[in-house]
Amino acid sequence: MKKTLKDYKDGKISQEEVLEKIKVLPYEDLGFAKIDTHRIIRKGYIETIFCKGKTTKQIIEIIKKMVKNNHNVLATKADKKIFNEVKKIYPKTQYNDIAKTIILKNQKVKKKKGKILVLTAGTSDIPVAEEAVVTAELMGNNVEKVYDVGVAGIHRLFDIKEKIFSANVIIVVAGMEGALASIVGGLTSKPVIAVPTSVGYGASFKGVAPLLTMLNCCAEGVVVVNIDNGFGAGYFASLINR
């Protein structure tokens, strides 16, 4: 909106063009989706595309409208097939094969001070952690990640205690029983965002066991997002860091 008003003031666009841009606020109706173009003004960050359940055609149409509005694009839970189709139209599109995220940068994001540290209990938790990393980085954060420091070899965690102490916010991603969040919460004075993952054997109930462990954490300053919700953790960590 600020850019639109500045462009009008500088004579780069006409009054009619300004009215055309304002017309699509607060959302643009595509029939199958209502794109929240007002969200960046209201929340400070653009709407994110959750790809599961959407057709490739629908995803591409949403991306086209976001690009038209000069928004950065983040699509989560996207497979390689979707990425390949998007890349045909927008060659600068980036894909994180581990996180299953699509990124298309249309404008620079102002860098924030402070550091977000992302930890995983195991290697199998990395896909969810990477989703958090991609989200936080796109929102302008300095992100550091350390993987596979879970409770099965707790000495690995103590080797990185200086990284834990120097972080502004810490995201802890863990499956199985999810105990890592409690330990990190007991070590630091900084906020901890716990992310349970669906990694584990039968009794982990596809993430319910670590979710309950994290919710019952006795260490102060630990909050919990939903199972496998790396995006939510990265987003919330960015709000804290901001």
Protein backbone atom coordinates (compact mmCIF):
# COMPACT_ATOMS: atom_id res chain seq x y z
CA MET A 1 0.00 0.00 0.00
CA LYS A 2 2.83 2.38 0.87
CA LYS A 3 4.52 1.57 -2.44
CA THR A 4 1.27 2.20 -4.34
CA LEU A 5 0.81 5.60 -2.70
CA LYS A 6 4.45 6.54 -3.31
CA ASP A 7 4.20 5.49 -6.98
CA TYR A 8 1.10 7.66 -7.36
CA LYS A 9 2.80 10.61 -5.66
CA ASP A 10 5.80 10.22 -7.97
CA GLY A 11 3.55 10.07 -11.01
CA LYS A 12 4.46 6.48 -11.87
CA ILE A 13 0.86 5.26 -11.80
CA SER A 14 -2.48 6.92 -12.45
CA GLN A 15 -5.41 7.47 -10.10
CA GLU A 16 -7.30 4.73 -11.93
CA GLU A 17 -4.47 2.27 -11.28
CA VAL A 18 -4.49 3.16 -7.57
CA LEU A 19 -8.24 2.51 -7.41
CA GLU A 20 -7.74 -0.80 -9.21
CA LYS A 21 -5.20 -1.92 -6.59
CA ILE A 22 -7.38 -0.80 -3.68
CA LYS A 23 -10.36 -2.63 -5.15
CA VAL A 24 -8.87 -6.06 -4.33
CA LEU A 25 -8.45 -5.20 -0.65
CA PRO A 26 -9.07 -6.83 1.77
CA TYR A 27 -9.15 -9.98 -0.38
CA GLU A 28 -9.23 -11.11 -3.99
CA ASP A 29 -11.89 -13.70 -4.85
CA LEU A 30 -10.79 -16.43 -7.28
CA GLY A 31 -13.92 -18.49 -6.76
CA PHE A 32 -12.08 -21.47 -5.26
CA ALA A 33 -9.96 -19.25 -2.96
CA LYS A 34 -10.12 -15.81 -1.40
CA ILE A 35 -6.56 -14.45 -1.26
CA ASP A 36 -6.00 -12.31 1.83
CA THR A 37 -4.14 -9.44 0.17
CA HIS A 38 -4.70 -7.31 3.28
CA ARG A 39 -2.78 -9.72 5.53
CA ILE A 40 0.63 -8.14 4.95
CA ILE A 41 -0.79 -4.80 6.15
CA ARG A 42 -2.69 -6.33 9.05
CA LYS A 43 -0.14 -8.92 10.21
CA GLY A 44 3.14 -7.81 8.66
CA TYR A 45 3.52 -10.98 6.58
CA ILE A 46 1.89 -12.39 3.47
CA GLU A 47 -0.55 -15.29 3.32
CA THR A 48 1.14 -18.69 2.97
CA ILE A 49 -0.09 -21.36 0.57
CA PHE A 50 -0.76 -24.76 2.16
CA CYS A 51 -0.55 -27.09 -0.83
CA LYS A 52 -2.12 -30.29 0.51
CA GLY A 53 -5.63 -30.70 -0.86
CA LYS A 54 -5.15 -28.11 -3.59
CA THR A 55 -4.68 -28.91 -7.27
CA THR A 56 -1.55 -27.71 -9.07
CA LYS A 57 -3.71 -25.43 -11.20
CA GLN A 58 -5.24 -23.82 -8.10
CA ILE A 59 -1.81 -23.30 -6.53
CA ILE A 60 -0.46 -21.66 -9.69
CA GLU A 61 -3.47 -19.32 -9.94
CA ILE A 62 -2.95 -18.23 -6.33
CA ILE A 63 0.76 -17.65 -6.95
CA LYS A 64 -0.01 -15.56 -10.05
CA LYS A 65 -2.21 -13.22 -8.04
CA MET A 66 0.36 -12.93 -5.26
CA VAL A 67 3.10 -12.11 -7.77
CA LYS A 68 0.82 -9.53 -9.39
CA ASN A 69 0.58 -7.85 -5.97
CA ASN A 70 4.40 -7.98 -5.64
CA HIS A 71 4.23 -10.38 -2.68
CA ASN A 72 6.84 -12.93 -1.73
CA VAL A 73 5.48 -16.46 -2.06
CA LEU A 74 5.83 -19.31 0.42
CA ALA A 75 4.09 -22.60 -0.31
CA THR A 76 4.32 -25.45 2.22
CA LYS A 77 3.80 -29.22 1.90
CA ALA A 78 4.52 -28.97 -1.83
CA ASP A 79 5.84 -31.91 -3.84
CA LYS A 80 8.40 -31.75 -6.65
CA LYS A 81 5.69 -32.02 -9.33
CA ILE A 82 4.07 -28.78 -8.14
CA PHE A 83 7.45 -27.06 -8.01
CA ASN A 84 8.32 -28.10 -11.57
CA GLU A 85 5.07 -26.62 -12.89
CA VAL A 86 5.57 -23.35 -10.99
CA LYS A 87 9.20 -23.08 -12.16
CA LYS A 88 8.07 -23.24 -15.80
CA ILE A 89 6.25 -19.94 -15.25
CA TYR A 90 8.63 -18.39 -12.70
CA PRO A 91 12.22 -19.61 -13.29
CA LYS A 92 13.54 -17.96 -10.10
CA THR A 93 11.36 -20.18 -7.92
CA GLN A 94 13.32 -22.09 -5.24
CA TYR A 95 12.51 -25.49 -3.78
CA ASN A 96 13.63 -27.05 -0.51
CA ASP A 97 13.42 -30.77 -1.17
CA ILE A 98 13.64 -31.66 2.54
CA ALA A 99 11.12 -29.12 3.84
CA LYS A 100 8.85 -29.49 0.75
CA THR A 101 8.58 -25.72 0.45
CA ILE A 102 8.41 -23.43 -2.56
CA ILE A 103 9.76 -19.88 -2.35
CA LEU A 104 9.48 -17.06 -4.86
CA LYS A 105 11.04 -13.77 -3.76
CA ASN A 106 9.58 -10.62 -5.30
CA GLN A 107 10.84 -8.09 -2.78
CA LYS A 108 13.56 -7.77 -0.16
CA VAL A 109 12.71 -8.40 3.46
CA LYS A 110 14.20 -6.17 6.14
CA LYS A 111 16.66 -8.17 8.26
CA LYS A 112 15.89 -8.53 11.95
CA LYS A 113 18.39 -8.47 14.78
CA GLY A 114 18.82 -11.47 17.01
CA LYS A 115 19.08 -15.17 16.23
CA ILE A 116 16.59 -18.01 16.04
CA LEU A 117 18.12 -21.38 16.89
CA VAL A 118 16.47 -24.52 15.49
CA LEU A 119 17.25 -27.84 17.15
CA THR A 120 16.10 -31.37 16.34
CA ALA A 121 16.15 -34.43 18.54
CA GLY A 122 16.89 -36.73 15.58
CA THR A 123 17.71 -36.76 11.89
CA SER A 124 14.15 -37.92 11.12
CA ASP A 125 12.82 -34.63 12.54
CA ILE A 126 14.77 -32.52 10.03
CA PRO A 127 11.97 -32.10 7.41
CA VAL A 128 9.75 -30.34 9.96
CA ALA A 129 12.71 -28.30 11.25
CA GLU A 130 13.60 -27.22 7.72
CA GLU A 131 10.07 -25.90 7.21
CA ALA A 132 10.58 -23.74 10.29
CA VAL A 133 13.99 -22.58 9.00
CA VAL A 134 12.64 -21.64 5.55
CA THR A 135 9.73 -19.73 7.10
CA ALA A 136 11.87 -17.80 9.59
CA GLU A 137 14.51 -16.93 6.99
CA LEU A 138 11.91 -15.65 4.52
CA MET A 139 10.58 -13.41 7.31
CA GLY A 140 14.05 -11.83 7.59
CA ASN A 141 15.55 -13.68 10.54
CA ASN A 142 19.08 -14.87 11.19
CA VAL A 143 18.63 -18.62 11.69
CA GLU A 144 21.12 -21.16 13.02
CA LYS A 145 20.35 -24.87 13.03
CA VAL A 146 21.82 -27.82 14.92
CA TYR A 147 20.39 -31.25 14.19
CA ASP A 148 20.42 -34.62 15.97
CA VAL A 149 21.05 -33.54 19.58
CA GLY A 150 18.29 -35.56 21.27
CA VAL A 151 18.11 -37.15 24.69
CA ALA A 152 19.49 -40.52 23.52
CA GLY A 153 22.89 -38.80 23.56
CA ILE A 154 22.35 -35.78 25.79
CA HIS A 155 26.08 -34.92 25.86
CA ARG A 156 25.64 -33.67 22.26
CA LEU A 157 23.27 -30.99 23.50
CA PHE A 158 25.64 -29.78 26.19
CA ASP A 159 28.35 -29.33 23.56
CA ILE A 160 26.26 -26.54 21.97
CA LYS A 161 25.18 -24.78 25.16
CA GLU A 162 26.78 -21.50 24.04
CA LYS A 163 24.56 -21.49 20.94
CA ILE A 164 21.56 -22.07 23.19
CA PHE A 165 22.53 -19.22 25.53
CA SER A 166 23.14 -16.76 22.67
CA ALA A 167 19.84 -17.33 20.80
CA ASN A 168 16.88 -14.97 21.07
CA VAL A 169 14.33 -17.72 20.43
CA ILE A 170 14.75 -21.49 20.25
CA ILE A 171 12.67 -23.93 18.22
CA VAL A 172 12.90 -27.54 19.40
CA VAL A 173 11.64 -30.21 17.00
CA ALA A 174 11.24 -33.73 18.40
CA GLY A 175 9.31 -36.92 17.83
CA MET A 176 9.25 -40.19 19.84
CA GLU A 177 8.56 -39.00 23.42
CA GLY A 178 9.47 -35.33 22.77
CA ALA A 179 11.61 -34.88 25.88
CA LEU A 180 14.16 -32.53 24.30
CA ALA A 181 11.93 -29.46 24.67
CA SER A 182 11.78 -29.88 28.45
CA ILE A 183 15.56 -30.12 28.76
CA VAL A 184 16.21 -27.08 26.55
CA GLY A 185 13.50 -25.16 28.43
CA GLY A 186 15.32 -25.91 31.67
CA LEU A 187 18.63 -24.62 30.32
CA THR A 188 17.64 -21.25 28.87
CA SER A 189 15.91 -18.02 29.90
CA LYS A 190 14.77 -17.48 26.29
CA PRO A 191 11.39 -18.53 24.87
CA VAL A 192 11.24 -22.09 23.53
CA ILE A 193 8.80 -23.20 20.83
CA ALA A 194 8.29 -26.96 20.89
CA VAL A 195 7.27 -28.80 17.73
CA PRO A 196 6.13 -32.42 18.10
CA THR A 197 6.66 -34.56 15.00
CA SER A 198 4.87 -37.68 13.79
CA VAL A 199 8.18 -39.57 13.87
CA GLY A 200 8.21 -42.64 16.11
CA TYR A 201 7.00 -46.18 16.72
CA GLY A 202 3.36 -47.17 17.33
CA ALA A 203 3.00 -45.88 20.88
CA SER A 204 4.03 -42.40 19.79
CA PHE A 205 0.60 -42.30 18.07
CA LYS A 206 1.86 -40.30 15.07
CA GLY A 207 2.97 -37.38 17.21
CA VAL A 208 0.36 -37.41 19.96
CA ALA A 209 2.82 -38.77 22.57
CA PRO A 210 5.44 -35.99 22.06
CA LEU A 211 2.63 -33.43 21.85
CA LEU A 212 1.37 -34.44 25.29
CA THR A 213 4.90 -34.54 26.72
CA MET A 214 5.55 -31.01 25.48
CA LEU A 215 2.20 -29.73 26.77
CA ASN A 216 3.03 -31.20 30.19
CA CYS A 217 6.51 -29.67 30.25
CA CYS A 218 7.45 -28.43 33.74
CA ALA A 219 10.16 -26.06 32.46
CA GLU A 220 8.93 -22.47 32.24
CA GLY A 221 8.83 -20.58 28.94
CA VAL A 222 7.95 -23.47 26.62
CA VAL A 223 5.00 -23.20 24.23
CA VAL A 224 3.81 -25.87 21.81
CA VAL A 225 2.54 -25.80 18.22
CA ASN A 226 0.68 -28.55 16.41
CA ILE A 227 2.19 -31.84 15.21
CA ASP A 228 4.59 -31.36 12.26
CA ASN A 229 3.81 -27.60 12.18
CA GLY A 230 7.26 -26.27 11.33
CA PHE A 231 5.69 -23.30 9.57
CA GLY A 232 3.78 -22.26 12.69
CA ALA A 233 6.93 -22.48 14.79
CA GLY A 234 9.00 -20.44 12.35
CA TYR A 235 6.27 -17.81 12.10
CA PHE A 236 5.81 -17.47 15.86
CA ALA A 237 9.56 -17.36 16.47
CA SER A 238 9.80 -14.50 13.99
CA LEU A 239 7.06 -12.57 15.82
CA ILE A 240 9.01 -12.96 19.08
CA ASN A 241 12.27 -11.98 17.43
CA ARG A 242 10.61 -8.93 15.88
